[in-house]
């Protein structure tokens, strides 16, 4: 990751990472999986210079995707169980 510091500044953080950390810190502490996913995704996007949207928008989309996949997996497992017992 690269960013510029002014001569009188030291130990600053990447500006996009600062926004991401602020967003992550506002996610529910009880949802560590969600917080970890967000952190991993944000770091990946920043390192690859692909962070083109606000952290909130990106994370909400990711979270909705995981929720949807989880529901599909649960439905599939329930359907499989019913087919084996029916």
Protein backbone atom coordinates (compact mmCIF):
# COMPACT_ATOMS: atom_id res chain seq x y z
CA UNK A 1 0.00 0.00 0.00
CA UNK A 2 1.25 3.45 -0.77
CA UNK A 3 0.19 6.88 0.40
CA UNK A 4 1.80 10.22 0.92
CA UNK A 5 2.62 11.83 4.22
CA UNK A 6 3.44 15.48 4.64
CA UNK A 7 6.91 16.23 5.96
CA UNK A 8 5.56 17.10 9.39
CA UNK A 9 3.46 13.92 9.64
CA UNK A 10 4.65 10.48 10.65
CA UNK A 11 3.00 7.15 11.29
CA UNK A 12 -0.20 8.03 9.45
CA UNK A 13 -2.48 5.34 8.09
CA UNK A 14 -3.66 4.85 4.55
CA UNK A 15 -6.65 7.21 4.08
CA UNK A 16 -8.91 4.51 2.65
CA UNK A 17 -7.88 2.09 5.40
CA UNK A 18 -8.84 4.67 8.03
CA UNK A 19 -12.35 4.83 6.56
CA UNK A 20 -12.54 1.03 6.50
CA UNK A 21 -11.41 0.68 10.11
CA UNK A 22 -14.01 3.23 11.17
CA UNK A 23 -16.71 1.24 9.37
CA UNK A 24 -15.51 -2.11 10.77
CA UNK A 25 -15.50 -0.69 14.29
CA UNK A 26 -19.18 0.20 13.87
CA UNK A 27 -20.17 -3.35 12.93
CA UNK A 28 -21.66 -5.44 15.75
CA UNK A 29 -18.89 -6.82 17.98
CA UNK A 30 -20.91 -10.02 18.30
CA UNK A 31 -20.50 -10.67 14.55
CA UNK A 32 -16.78 -11.43 14.35
CA UNK A 33 -17.11 -13.39 11.10
CA UNK A 34 -18.65 -10.38 9.40
CA UNK A 35 -15.98 -8.06 10.80
CA UNK A 36 -13.18 -10.40 9.67
CA UNK A 37 -14.66 -10.77 6.17
CA UNK A 38 -14.92 -7.01 5.84
CA UNK A 39 -11.34 -6.52 6.99
CA UNK A 40 -10.02 -9.13 4.55
CA UNK A 41 -11.99 -7.71 1.64
CA UNK A 42 -11.00 -4.10 2.37
CA UNK A 43 -7.32 -5.00 2.64
CA UNK A 44 -7.49 -6.96 -0.61
CA UNK A 45 -9.18 -4.08 -2.44
CA UNK A 46 -6.79 -1.43 -1.09
CA UNK A 47 -3.67 -3.48 -1.81
CA UNK A 48 -4.89 -4.11 -5.36
CA UNK A 49 -5.90 -0.46 -5.82
CA UNK A 50 -9.50 -1.51 -6.45
CA UNK A 51 -11.31 0.32 -3.64
CA UNK A 52 -13.70 2.33 -5.80
CA UNK A 53 -16.76 2.53 -3.53
CA UNK A 54 -17.48 3.53 0.04
CA UNK A 55 -16.64 0.80 2.58
CA UNK A 56 -20.26 0.64 3.76
CA UNK A 57 -21.61 -0.04 0.28
CA UNK A 58 -19.05 -2.78 -0.40
CA UNK A 59 -19.49 -4.51 2.96
CA UNK A 60 -23.29 -4.42 2.86
CA UNK A 61 -23.23 -6.04 -0.59
CA UNK A 62 -20.80 -8.70 0.65
CA UNK A 63 -22.89 -9.35 3.77
CA UNK A 64 -26.08 -9.69 1.72
CA UNK A 65 -24.31 -12.14 -0.57
CA UNK A 66 -23.21 -14.28 2.39
CA UNK A 67 -26.73 -14.16 3.86
CA UNK A 68 -28.22 -15.26 0.54
CA UNK A 69 -25.73 -18.10 0.06
CA UNK A 70 -26.34 -19.24 3.63
CA UNK A 71 -30.11 -19.34 3.01
CA UNK A 72 -29.60 -21.29 -0.22
CA UNK A 73 -27.33 -23.78 1.53
CA UNK A 74 -29.87 -24.25 4.34
CA UNK A 75 -32.67 -24.73 1.83
CA UNK A 76 -30.61 -27.25 -0.13
CA UNK A 77 -29.76 -29.23 3.02
CA UNK A 78 -33.40 -29.26 4.13
CA UNK A 79 -34.53 -30.36 0.69
CA UNK A 80 -31.90 -33.14 0.65
CA UNK A 81 -33.03 -34.36 4.09
CA UNK A 82 -36.68 -34.41 2.97
CA UNK A 83 -35.80 -36.39 -0.18
CA UNK A 84 -33.94 -39.02 1.82
CA UNK A 85 -36.70 -39.44 4.38
CA UNK A 86 -39.66 -39.18 2.02
